[in-house]
Amino acid sequence: MIITPLTELDAVNEILTSIGSDSVVTLEEIDQNIDASVADKMLKAVSQEIQQEGWDFNTIPTITLVPDVNTHRIKWDSSLLRVPNTYRNRGGFFFNVSDYTDVFTENLILTNVVQELPFEELPMVFRKYITIKASLAFAVRFLGDAELEQSLNTELAKAYADVMTYELDTQKPNVFNNTSVTEVGTR
């Protein structure tokens, strides 16, 4: 059973423990330990994959970006996982594909932006879910133990249910907030 990690180091150690490997004492040790290094990379990849879906905790309803006074360009923020389709990262700056320019004379206002947060800033249920999913991926890739896979899959299903409960509790969805329902109601 995986215990909810408080830090990235805790999560890496949970992944290592799930496959029967020795844990590490500090994040600096990760670079010297091949298993720990792979576990850390897997944790970060799974975290980004899950956060990219856009959850209540990492979706910013409106964000205003200010262009540089001299260049009129806006530096790209690498923590942004999803921005409106009109904008891309070109050479480290925001690029408007509709107008085919990276020059902005006014502030850029973006809506429903998904931002990647550091592991320690994630809600506890997401930290646990990410850790279990990374543990499962690690175990499948390097061990192939069917019994361990089954155990981790069971934990993953429970953790996903907890994530969905958390999302429903924080989001407070409402049939009248659904755009499809609203459109039908106005006809």
N, C-alpha and C. Protein backbone atom coordinates (compact mmCIF):
# COMPACT_ATOMS: atom_id res chain seq x y z
N MET A 1 0.84 -1.19 0.00
CA MET A 1 0.00 0.00 0.00
C MET A 1 0.88 1.24 0.00
N ILE A 2 0.57 2.16 -0.89
CA ILE A 2 1.35 3.39 -1.00
C ILE A 2 0.78 4.44 -0.06
N ILE A 3 1.69 5.04 0.69
CA ILE A 3 1.31 6.11 1.62
C ILE A 3 1.39 7.43 0.86
N THR A 4 0.46 8.33 1.11
CA THR A 4 0.45 9.61 0.40
C THR A 4 1.75 10.37 0.66
N PRO A 5 2.51 10.65 -0.41
CA PRO A 5 3.77 11.36 -0.24
C PRO A 5 3.55 12.86 -0.02
N LEU A 6 4.38 13.45 0.83
CA LEU A 6 4.31 14.88 1.06
C LEU A 6 5.24 15.64 0.12
N THR A 7 6.34 14.99 -0.27
CA THR A 7 7.34 15.65 -1.11
C THR A 7 7.68 14.77 -2.31
N GLU A 8 8.41 15.35 -3.24
CA GLU A 8 8.88 14.60 -4.41
C GLU A 8 9.78 13.44 -3.96
N LEU A 9 10.63 13.68 -2.97
CA LEU A 9 11.50 12.63 -2.44
C LEU A 9 10.68 11.48 -1.87
N ASP A 10 9.63 11.80 -1.12
CA ASP A 10 8.74 10.76 -0.59
C ASP A 10 8.15 9.93 -1.72
N ALA A 11 7.73 10.60 -2.78
CA ALA A 11 7.11 9.91 -3.92
C ALA A 11 8.11 8.99 -4.61
N VAL A 12 9.31 9.48 -4.83
CA VAL A 12 10.35 8.64 -5.45
C VAL A 12 10.60 7.41 -4.58
N ASN A 13 10.67 7.61 -3.27
CA ASN A 13 10.90 6.48 -2.37
C ASN A 13 9.73 5.50 -2.36
N GLU A 14 8.50 6.00 -2.50
CA GLU A 14 7.34 5.12 -2.59
C GLU A 14 7.42 4.27 -3.86
N ILE A 15 7.83 4.88 -4.97
CA ILE A 15 7.98 4.15 -6.23
C ILE A 15 9.05 3.07 -6.07
N LEU A 16 10.19 3.44 -5.48
CA LEU A 16 11.27 2.48 -5.27
C LEU A 16 10.84 1.34 -4.35
N THR A 17 10.15 1.69 -3.28
CA THR A 17 9.69 0.69 -2.32
C THR A 17 8.69 -0.27 -2.97
N SER A 18 7.85 0.24 -3.86
CA SER A 18 6.83 -0.60 -4.49
C SER A 18 7.45 -1.73 -5.32
N ILE A 19 8.67 -1.54 -5.79
CA ILE A 19 9.33 -2.60 -6.56
C ILE A 19 10.40 -3.32 -5.73
N GLY A 20 10.48 -2.98 -4.44
CA GLY A 20 11.43 -3.66 -3.56
C GLY A 20 12.84 -3.12 -3.64
N SER A 21 13.00 -1.90 -4.13
CA SER A 21 14.32 -1.28 -4.22
C SER A 21 14.58 -0.41 -3.00
N ASP A 22 15.85 -0.14 -2.72
CA ASP A 22 16.21 0.71 -1.58
C ASP A 22 15.83 2.15 -1.85
N SER A 23 15.42 2.83 -0.80
CA SER A 23 15.05 4.25 -0.92
C SER A 23 16.30 5.11 -0.86
N VAL A 24 16.13 6.39 -1.20
CA VAL A 24 17.23 7.36 -1.14
C VAL A 24 16.92 8.37 -0.04
N VAL A 25 17.97 9.00 0.49
CA VAL A 25 17.81 9.90 1.62
C VAL A 25 17.58 11.34 1.18
N THR A 26 18.21 11.75 0.08
CA THR A 26 18.08 13.13 -0.38
C THR A 26 17.83 13.16 -1.89
N LEU A 27 17.32 14.28 -2.39
CA LEU A 27 17.12 14.43 -3.83
C LEU A 27 18.45 14.41 -4.58
N GLU A 28 19.51 14.84 -3.94
CA GLU A 28 20.83 14.84 -4.57
C GLU A 28 21.29 13.42 -4.87
N GLU A 29 20.87 12.46 -4.05
CA GLU A 29 21.24 11.06 -4.24
C GLU A 29 20.60 10.46 -5.47
N ILE A 30 19.53 11.05 -5.93
CA ILE A 30 18.79 10.50 -7.07
C ILE A 30 19.68 10.37 -8.29
N ASP A 31 20.53 11.35 -8.54
CA ASP A 31 21.39 11.32 -9.71
C ASP A 31 22.41 10.19 -9.67
N GLN A 32 22.77 9.72 -8.47
CA GLN A 32 23.76 8.65 -8.35
C GLN A 32 23.12 7.26 -8.32
N ASN A 33 21.82 7.18 -8.28
CA ASN A 33 21.11 5.91 -8.18
C ASN A 33 20.25 5.75 -9.43
N ILE A 34 20.54 4.76 -10.25
CA ILE A 34 19.84 4.60 -11.53
C ILE A 34 18.35 4.38 -11.32
N ASP A 35 17.97 3.49 -10.40
CA ASP A 35 16.55 3.24 -10.15
C ASP A 35 15.84 4.52 -9.70
N ALA A 36 16.49 5.25 -8.78
CA ALA A 36 15.89 6.49 -8.26
C ALA A 36 15.77 7.54 -9.36
N SER A 37 16.76 7.61 -10.23
CA SER A 37 16.73 8.59 -11.32
C SER A 37 15.59 8.28 -12.29
N VAL A 38 15.42 6.99 -12.63
CA VAL A 38 14.33 6.60 -13.52
C VAL A 38 12.98 6.83 -12.84
N ALA A 39 12.89 6.51 -11.54
CA ALA A 39 11.65 6.72 -10.80
C ALA A 39 11.28 8.20 -10.77
N ASP A 40 12.27 9.06 -10.57
CA ASP A 40 12.03 10.50 -10.54
C ASP A 40 11.56 11.01 -11.90
N LYS A 41 12.19 10.55 -12.96
CA LYS A 41 11.77 10.96 -14.31
C LYS A 41 10.35 10.47 -14.62
N MET A 42 10.05 9.24 -14.19
CA MET A 42 8.71 8.71 -14.42
C MET A 42 7.68 9.49 -13.62
N LEU A 43 8.03 9.84 -12.37
CA LEU A 43 7.12 10.63 -11.54
C LEU A 43 6.81 11.97 -12.21
N LYS A 44 7.83 12.63 -12.72
CA LYS A 44 7.64 13.94 -13.36
C LYS A 44 6.82 13.81 -14.65
N ALA A 45 7.07 12.76 -15.43
CA ALA A 45 6.31 12.55 -16.67
C ALA A 45 4.85 12.26 -16.38
N VAL A 46 4.59 11.42 -15.40
CA VAL A 46 3.20 11.09 -15.04
C VAL A 46 2.50 12.31 -14.47
N SER A 47 3.21 13.08 -13.65
CA SER A 47 2.62 14.29 -13.07
C SER A 47 2.20 15.26 -14.18
N GLN A 48 3.09 15.46 -15.15
CA GLN A 48 2.76 16.36 -16.25
C GLN A 48 1.60 15.83 -17.08
N GLU A 49 1.61 14.53 -17.34
CA GLU A 49 0.53 13.91 -18.12
C GLU A 49 -0.83 14.10 -17.43
N ILE A 50 -0.87 13.89 -16.13
CA ILE A 50 -2.13 14.02 -15.40
C ILE A 50 -2.55 15.49 -15.28
N GLN A 51 -1.59 16.37 -14.98
CA GLN A 51 -1.93 17.79 -14.84
C GLN A 51 -2.38 18.40 -16.17
N GLN A 52 -1.87 17.86 -17.28
CA GLN A 52 -2.21 18.40 -18.59
C GLN A 52 -3.70 18.27 -18.91
N GLU A 53 -4.37 17.35 -18.24
CA GLU A 53 -5.80 17.18 -18.45
C GLU A 53 -6.58 18.42 -18.02
N GLY A 54 -6.02 19.18 -17.08
CA GLY A 54 -6.69 20.38 -16.60
C GLY A 54 -7.71 20.06 -15.54
N TRP A 55 -7.35 20.32 -14.31
CA TRP A 55 -8.21 20.06 -13.16
C TRP A 55 -8.56 21.39 -12.51
N ASP A 56 -9.47 21.34 -11.56
CA ASP A 56 -9.88 22.57 -10.90
C ASP A 56 -8.71 23.29 -10.24
N PHE A 57 -7.76 22.54 -9.68
CA PHE A 57 -6.65 23.16 -8.95
C PHE A 57 -5.59 23.79 -9.85
N ASN A 58 -5.52 23.40 -11.13
CA ASN A 58 -4.46 23.96 -11.97
C ASN A 58 -4.97 24.63 -13.25
N THR A 59 -6.27 24.92 -13.29
CA THR A 59 -6.83 25.66 -14.41
C THR A 59 -7.07 27.09 -13.97
N ILE A 60 -6.47 28.01 -14.70
CA ILE A 60 -6.59 29.43 -14.39
C ILE A 60 -7.66 30.02 -15.30
N PRO A 61 -8.75 30.52 -14.72
CA PRO A 61 -9.84 31.04 -15.56
C PRO A 61 -9.40 32.18 -16.48
N THR A 62 -8.64 33.14 -15.96
CA THR A 62 -8.17 34.27 -16.75
C THR A 62 -6.78 34.67 -16.28
N ILE A 63 -5.89 34.86 -17.24
CA ILE A 63 -4.53 35.29 -16.93
C ILE A 63 -4.16 36.41 -17.89
N THR A 64 -3.52 37.45 -17.37
CA THR A 64 -3.09 38.58 -18.20
C THR A 64 -1.58 38.59 -18.30
N LEU A 65 -1.07 38.59 -19.51
CA LEU A 65 0.37 38.63 -19.77
C LEU A 65 0.72 39.97 -20.38
N VAL A 66 1.77 40.57 -19.87
CA VAL A 66 2.17 41.92 -20.30
C VAL A 66 3.38 41.82 -21.22
N PRO A 67 3.30 42.42 -22.41
CA PRO A 67 4.45 42.39 -23.32
C PRO A 67 5.59 43.27 -22.82
N ASP A 68 6.82 42.90 -23.21
CA ASP A 68 8.00 43.69 -22.88
C ASP A 68 7.84 45.08 -23.49
N VAL A 69 8.21 46.10 -22.75
CA VAL A 69 8.04 47.48 -23.19
C VAL A 69 8.84 47.78 -24.46
N ASN A 70 10.04 47.21 -24.58
CA ASN A 70 10.90 47.49 -25.73
C ASN A 70 10.63 46.61 -26.94
N THR A 71 10.49 45.30 -26.71
CA THR A 71 10.36 44.37 -27.84
C THR A 71 8.91 44.06 -28.21
N HIS A 72 7.99 44.34 -27.30
CA HIS A 72 6.57 44.03 -27.48
C HIS A 72 6.33 42.53 -27.64
N ARG A 73 7.24 41.74 -27.08
CA ARG A 73 7.10 40.29 -27.10
C ARG A 73 6.80 39.81 -25.68
N ILE A 74 6.18 38.63 -25.59
CA ILE A 74 5.84 38.05 -24.29
C ILE A 74 6.58 36.72 -24.17
N LYS A 75 7.43 36.64 -23.13
CA LYS A 75 8.19 35.42 -22.89
C LYS A 75 7.25 34.26 -22.61
N TRP A 76 7.56 33.10 -23.20
CA TRP A 76 6.76 31.89 -22.98
C TRP A 76 7.00 31.38 -21.57
N ASP A 77 5.95 30.97 -20.91
CA ASP A 77 6.03 30.40 -19.56
C ASP A 77 5.96 28.88 -19.72
N SER A 78 7.06 28.19 -19.46
CA SER A 78 7.12 26.74 -19.68
C SER A 78 6.24 25.94 -18.73
N SER A 79 5.69 26.59 -17.70
CA SER A 79 4.78 25.87 -16.80
C SER A 79 3.36 25.80 -17.37
N LEU A 80 3.11 26.49 -18.47
CA LEU A 80 1.78 26.46 -19.08
C LEU A 80 1.67 25.22 -19.95
N LEU A 81 0.78 24.33 -19.58
CA LEU A 81 0.60 23.07 -20.30
C LEU A 81 -0.43 23.19 -21.42
N ARG A 82 -1.38 24.10 -21.23
CA ARG A 82 -2.40 24.29 -22.25
C ARG A 82 -2.81 25.75 -22.29
N VAL A 83 -2.74 26.32 -23.48
CA VAL A 83 -3.19 27.69 -23.72
C VAL A 83 -4.14 27.64 -24.91
N PRO A 84 -4.91 28.71 -25.14
CA PRO A 84 -5.81 28.70 -26.31
C PRO A 84 -5.04 28.37 -27.60
N ASN A 85 -5.72 27.68 -28.53
CA ASN A 85 -5.10 27.20 -29.77
C ASN A 85 -4.47 28.28 -30.63
N THR A 86 -4.83 29.51 -30.41
CA THR A 86 -4.31 30.62 -31.22
C THR A 86 -2.83 30.89 -30.93
N TYR A 87 -2.33 30.42 -29.79
CA TYR A 87 -0.97 30.77 -29.37
C TYR A 87 -0.07 29.55 -29.29
N ARG A 88 1.20 29.77 -29.68
CA ARG A 88 2.23 28.73 -29.64
C ARG A 88 3.51 29.30 -29.04
N ASN A 89 4.41 28.41 -28.71
CA ASN A 89 5.75 28.78 -28.26
C ASN A 89 6.66 28.79 -29.48
N ARG A 90 7.14 29.96 -29.83
CA ARG A 90 8.08 30.08 -30.94
C ARG A 90 9.31 30.82 -30.44
N GLY A 91 10.41 30.12 -30.34
CA GLY A 91 11.66 30.74 -29.91
C GLY A 91 11.61 31.27 -28.50
N GLY A 92 10.78 30.68 -27.66
CA GLY A 92 10.69 31.11 -26.27
C GLY A 92 9.74 32.28 -26.03
N PHE A 93 8.94 32.62 -27.05
CA PHE A 93 7.99 33.72 -26.93
C PHE A 93 6.60 33.28 -27.42
N PHE A 94 5.58 33.96 -26.92
CA PHE A 94 4.23 33.70 -27.40
C PHE A 94 4.14 34.11 -28.86
N PHE A 95 3.49 33.27 -29.65
CA PHE A 95 3.31 33.54 -31.07
C PHE A 95 1.84 33.37 -31.40
N ASN A 96 1.24 34.39 -32.00
CA ASN A 96 -0.16 34.35 -32.40
C ASN A 96 -0.23 33.78 -33.81
N VAL A 97 -0.73 32.54 -33.95
CA VAL A 97 -0.77 31.91 -35.26
C VAL A 97 -1.85 32.51 -36.16
N SER A 98 -2.88 33.11 -35.59
CA SER A 98 -3.93 33.75 -36.40
C SER A 98 -3.39 34.98 -37.11
N ASP A 99 -2.64 35.80 -36.37
CA ASP A 99 -2.08 37.02 -36.94
C ASP A 99 -0.66 36.83 -37.45
N TYR A 100 -0.09 35.65 -37.22
CA TYR A 100 1.27 35.29 -37.60
C TYR A 100 2.29 36.32 -37.12
N THR A 101 2.25 36.55 -35.78
CA THR A 101 3.17 37.52 -35.19
C THR A 101 3.49 37.16 -33.75
N ASP A 102 4.64 37.63 -33.30
CA ASP A 102 4.99 37.50 -31.89
C ASP A 102 5.09 38.87 -31.22
N VAL A 103 4.55 39.88 -31.90
CA VAL A 103 4.54 41.25 -31.39
C VAL A 103 3.13 41.55 -30.85
N PHE A 104 3.10 42.01 -29.60
CA PHE A 104 1.83 42.32 -28.95
C PHE A 104 1.86 43.76 -28.48
N THR A 105 0.94 44.57 -28.98
CA THR A 105 0.90 45.98 -28.59
C THR A 105 0.04 46.19 -27.35
N GLU A 106 -0.74 45.18 -26.98
CA GLU A 106 -1.58 45.26 -25.78
C GLU A 106 -1.35 44.02 -24.93
N ASN A 107 -1.85 44.08 -23.71
CA ASN A 107 -1.77 42.91 -22.83
C ASN A 107 -2.48 41.73 -23.49
N LEU A 108 -1.97 40.55 -23.23
CA LEU A 108 -2.58 39.33 -23.76
C LEU A 108 -3.40 38.69 -22.64
N ILE A 109 -4.69 38.56 -22.87
CA ILE A 109 -5.57 37.96 -21.87
C ILE A 109 -5.96 36.57 -22.35
N LEU A 110 -5.59 35.56 -21.57
CA LEU A 110 -5.88 34.18 -21.91
C LEU A 110 -6.89 33.61 -20.93
N THR A 111 -7.73 32.71 -21.41
CA THR A 111 -8.72 32.08 -20.53
C THR A 111 -8.50 30.57 -20.51
N ASN A 112 -8.90 29.96 -19.39
CA ASN A 112 -8.81 28.52 -19.20
C ASN A 112 -7.44 27.94 -19.52
N VAL A 113 -6.43 28.54 -18.92
CA VAL A 113 -5.05 28.10 -19.08
C VAL A 113 -4.76 27.02 -18.05
N VAL A 114 -4.10 25.96 -18.48
CA VAL A 114 -3.72 24.88 -17.57
C VAL A 114 -2.24 25.04 -17.25
N GLN A 115 -1.94 25.10 -15.96
CA GLN A 115 -0.57 25.33 -15.51
C GLN A 115 -0.06 24.13 -14.71
N GLU A 116 1.17 23.72 -15.01
CA GLU A 116 1.80 22.63 -14.26
C GLU A 116 2.31 23.18 -12.93
N LEU A 117 1.94 22.49 -11.86
CA LEU A 117 2.38 22.90 -10.52
C LEU A 117 3.44 21.94 -10.01
N PRO A 118 4.32 22.43 -9.14
CA PRO A 118 5.30 21.53 -8.53
C PRO A 118 4.59 20.45 -7.71
N PHE A 119 5.21 19.29 -7.60
CA PHE A 119 4.61 18.15 -6.92
C PHE A 119 4.10 18.52 -5.53
N GLU A 120 4.90 19.27 -4.77
CA GLU A 120 4.53 19.61 -3.39
C GLU A 120 3.31 20.51 -3.29
N GLU A 121 2.95 21.20 -4.37
CA GLU A 121 1.79 22.09 -4.37
C GLU A 121 0.50 21.41 -4.83
N LEU A 122 0.58 20.16 -5.22
CA LEU A 122 -0.60 19.43 -5.67
C LEU A 122 -1.45 19.02 -4.47
N PRO A 123 -2.76 18.93 -4.66
CA PRO A 123 -3.60 18.40 -3.58
C PRO A 123 -3.14 16.97 -3.25
N MET A 124 -3.32 16.58 -2.00
CA MET A 124 -2.84 15.28 -1.54
C MET A 124 -3.36 14.12 -2.38
N VAL A 125 -4.64 14.16 -2.76
CA VAL A 125 -5.19 13.04 -3.54
C VAL A 125 -4.49 12.90 -4.89
N PHE A 126 -4.06 14.01 -5.48
CA PHE A 126 -3.35 13.96 -6.75
C PHE A 126 -1.93 13.46 -6.56
N ARG A 127 -1.28 13.84 -5.46
CA ARG A 127 0.06 13.33 -5.19
C ARG A 127 0.04 11.81 -5.08
N LYS A 128 -0.96 11.30 -4.38
CA LYS A 128 -1.06 9.85 -4.21
C LYS A 128 -1.36 9.18 -5.55
N TYR A 129 -2.31 9.72 -6.30
CA TYR A 129 -2.69 9.16 -7.59
C TYR A 129 -1.48 9.13 -8.55
N ILE A 130 -0.77 10.22 -8.62
CA ILE A 130 0.41 10.31 -9.50
C ILE A 130 1.47 9.31 -9.07
N THR A 131 1.70 9.19 -7.78
CA THR A 131 2.71 8.27 -7.27
C THR A 131 2.34 6.82 -7.59
N ILE A 132 1.09 6.48 -7.40
CA ILE A 132 0.66 5.10 -7.70
C ILE A 132 0.76 4.82 -9.20
N LYS A 133 0.33 5.78 -10.01
CA LYS A 133 0.39 5.58 -11.46
C LYS A 133 1.84 5.46 -11.93
N ALA A 134 2.73 6.26 -11.37
CA ALA A 134 4.16 6.17 -11.71
C ALA A 134 4.74 4.85 -11.21
N SER A 135 4.32 4.39 -10.04
CA SER A 135 4.79 3.10 -9.50
C SER A 135 4.36 1.96 -10.42
N LEU A 136 3.13 2.03 -10.89
CA LEU A 136 2.63 0.99 -11.79
C LEU A 136 3.42 1.00 -13.10
N ALA A 137 3.61 2.16 -13.67
CA ALA A 137 4.37 2.26 -14.92
C ALA A 137 5.80 1.75 -14.74
N PHE A 138 6.41 2.09 -13.62
CA PHE A 138 7.77 1.66 -13.31
C PHE A 138 7.82 0.14 -13.17
N ALA A 139 6.87 -0.42 -12.42
CA ALA A 139 6.84 -1.87 -12.20
C ALA A 139 6.60 -2.63 -13.49
N VAL A 140 5.69 -2.15 -14.32
CA VAL A 140 5.39 -2.80 -15.59
C VAL A 140 6.61 -2.78 -16.50
N ARG A 141 7.27 -1.65 -16.56
CA ARG A 141 8.41 -1.49 -17.45
C ARG A 141 9.62 -2.31 -17.02
N PHE A 142 9.86 -2.40 -15.71
CA PHE A 142 11.12 -3.01 -15.26
C PHE A 142 10.98 -4.36 -14.56
N LEU A 143 9.79 -4.71 -14.08
CA LEU A 143 9.66 -5.97 -13.37
C LEU A 143 8.79 -7.00 -14.09
N GLY A 144 7.63 -6.57 -14.54
CA GLY A 144 6.71 -7.50 -15.18
C GLY A 144 6.10 -8.50 -14.21
N ASP A 145 5.98 -8.14 -12.96
CA ASP A 145 5.39 -9.00 -11.93
C ASP A 145 3.87 -8.83 -11.95
N ALA A 146 3.15 -9.86 -12.37
CA ALA A 146 1.69 -9.78 -12.53
C ALA A 146 0.98 -9.51 -11.21
N GLU A 147 1.46 -10.10 -10.13
CA GLU A 147 0.82 -9.90 -8.83
C GLU A 147 0.98 -8.45 -8.36
N LEU A 148 2.18 -7.90 -8.52
CA LEU A 148 2.42 -6.50 -8.16
C LEU A 148 1.57 -5.57 -9.03
N GLU A 149 1.50 -5.87 -10.33
CA GLU A 149 0.68 -5.07 -11.24
C GLU A 149 -0.77 -5.04 -10.80
N GLN A 150 -1.29 -6.20 -10.44
CA GLN A 150 -2.68 -6.29 -10.00
C GLN A 150 -2.91 -5.47 -8.73
N SER A 151 -1.98 -5.57 -7.80
CA SER A 151 -2.09 -4.82 -6.55
C SER A 151 -2.06 -3.31 -6.80
N LEU A 152 -1.13 -2.89 -7.65
CA LEU A 152 -1.02 -1.46 -7.97
C LEU A 152 -2.24 -0.98 -8.77
N ASN A 153 -2.76 -1.81 -9.65
CA ASN A 153 -3.97 -1.44 -10.41
C ASN A 153 -5.16 -1.23 -9.49
N THR A 154 -5.26 -2.07 -8.45
CA THR A 154 -6.34 -1.92 -7.48
C THR A 154 -6.19 -0.60 -6.72
N GLU A 155 -4.95 -0.30 -6.30
CA GLU A 155 -4.69 0.98 -5.61
C GLU A 155 -4.96 2.16 -6.54
N LEU A 156 -4.58 2.00 -7.81
CA LEU A 156 -4.78 3.08 -8.78
C LEU A 156 -6.26 3.38 -8.98
N ALA A 157 -7.08 2.34 -9.06
CA ALA A 157 -8.53 2.54 -9.23
C ALA A 157 -9.11 3.30 -8.03
N LYS A 158 -8.69 2.95 -6.84
CA LYS A 158 -9.16 3.65 -5.62
C LYS A 158 -8.67 5.10 -5.63
N ALA A 159 -7.40 5.31 -5.98
CA ALA A 159 -6.85 6.67 -6.01
C ALA A 159 -7.56 7.52 -7.06
N TYR A 160 -7.89 6.93 -8.22
CA TYR A 160 -8.60 7.68 -9.25
C TYR A 160 -10.00 8.07 -8.77
N ALA A 161 -10.65 7.16 -8.07
CA ALA A 161 -11.97 7.48 -7.51
C ALA A 161 -11.86 8.63 -6.52
N ASP A 162 -10.81 8.65 -5.71
CA ASP A 162 -10.58 9.74 -4.77
C ASP A 162 -10.35 11.07 -5.49
N VAL A 163 -9.59 11.00 -6.60
CA VAL A 163 -9.32 12.20 -7.41
C VAL A 163 -10.62 12.75 -7.98
N MET A 164 -11.45 11.88 -8.50
CA MET A 164 -12.71 12.33 -9.09
C MET A 164 -13.65 12.90 -8.03
N THR A 165 -13.67 12.29 -6.85
CA THR A 165 -14.49 12.82 -5.75
C THR A 165 -13.99 14.21 -5.37
N TYR A 166 -12.67 14.36 -5.27
CA TYR A 166 -12.07 15.66 -4.93
C TYR A 166 -12.47 16.69 -5.99
N GLU A 167 -12.35 16.31 -7.25
CA GLU A 167 -12.66 17.24 -8.34
C GLU A 167 -14.13 17.66 -8.29
N LEU A 168 -15.01 16.72 -8.05
CA LEU A 168 -16.43 17.05 -7.96
C LEU A 168 -16.73 17.94 -6.76
N ASP A 169 -16.05 17.67 -5.64
CA ASP A 169 -16.25 18.48 -4.44
C ASP A 169 -15.75 19.92 -4.62
N THR A 170 -14.62 20.09 -5.27
CA THR A 170 -14.06 21.44 -5.42
C THR A 170 -14.69 22.20 -6.58
N GLN A 171 -15.09 21.49 -7.60
CA GLN A 171 -15.64 22.13 -8.78
C GLN A 171 -17.10 22.50 -8.60
N LYS A 172 -17.82 21.77 -7.79
CA LYS A 172 -19.26 21.96 -7.59
C LYS A 172 -19.98 22.08 -8.94
N PRO A 173 -19.89 21.00 -9.75
CA PRO A 173 -20.54 21.07 -11.06
C PRO A 173 -22.05 21.23 -10.92
N ASN A 174 -22.62 21.82 -11.94
CA ASN A 174 -24.03 22.15 -11.92
C ASN A 174 -24.53 22.02 -13.34
N VAL A 175 -25.66 21.43 -13.54
CA VAL A 175 -26.21 21.24 -14.88
C VAL A 175 -26.35 22.57 -15.61
N PHE A 176 -26.56 23.66 -14.89
CA PHE A 176 -26.75 24.97 -15.53
C PHE A 176 -25.42 25.62 -15.92
N ASN A 177 -24.28 25.07 -15.43
CA ASN A 177 -22.96 25.56 -15.83
C ASN A 177 -22.45 24.85 -17.09
N ASN A 178 -23.16 23.84 -17.54
CA ASN A 178 -22.77 23.08 -18.72
C ASN A 178 -23.22 23.86 -19.96
N THR A 179 -22.27 24.19 -20.84
CA THR A 179 -22.60 25.01 -22.01
C THR A 179 -23.60 24.31 -22.94
N SER A 180 -23.52 22.99 -23.05
CA SER A 180 -24.46 22.26 -23.90
C SER A 180 -25.88 22.41 -23.40
N VAL A 181 -26.05 22.31 -22.08
CA VAL A 181 -27.38 22.43 -21.48
C VAL A 181 -27.87 23.86 -21.61
N THR A 182 -27.00 24.83 -21.40
CA THR A 182 -27.38 26.25 -21.50
C THR A 182 -27.85 26.59 -22.91
N GLU A 183 -27.14 26.07 -23.93
CA GLU A 183 -27.52 26.35 -25.32
C GLU A 183 -28.90 25.80 -25.62
N VAL A 184 -29.19 24.58 -25.14
CA VAL A 184 -30.50 23.99 -25.39
C VAL A 184 -31.59 24.78 -24.67
N GLY A 185 -31.28 25.26 -23.48
CA GLY A 185 -32.24 26.02 -22.69
C GLY A 185 -32.60 27.37 -23.29
N THR A 186 -31.74 27.93 -24.11
CA THR A 186 -32.01 29.25 -24.70
C THR A 186 -32.72 29.17 -26.05
N ARG A 187 -32.95 27.98 -26.52
CA ARG A 187 -33.62 27.83 -27.84
C ARG A 187 -35.08 28.09 -27.77
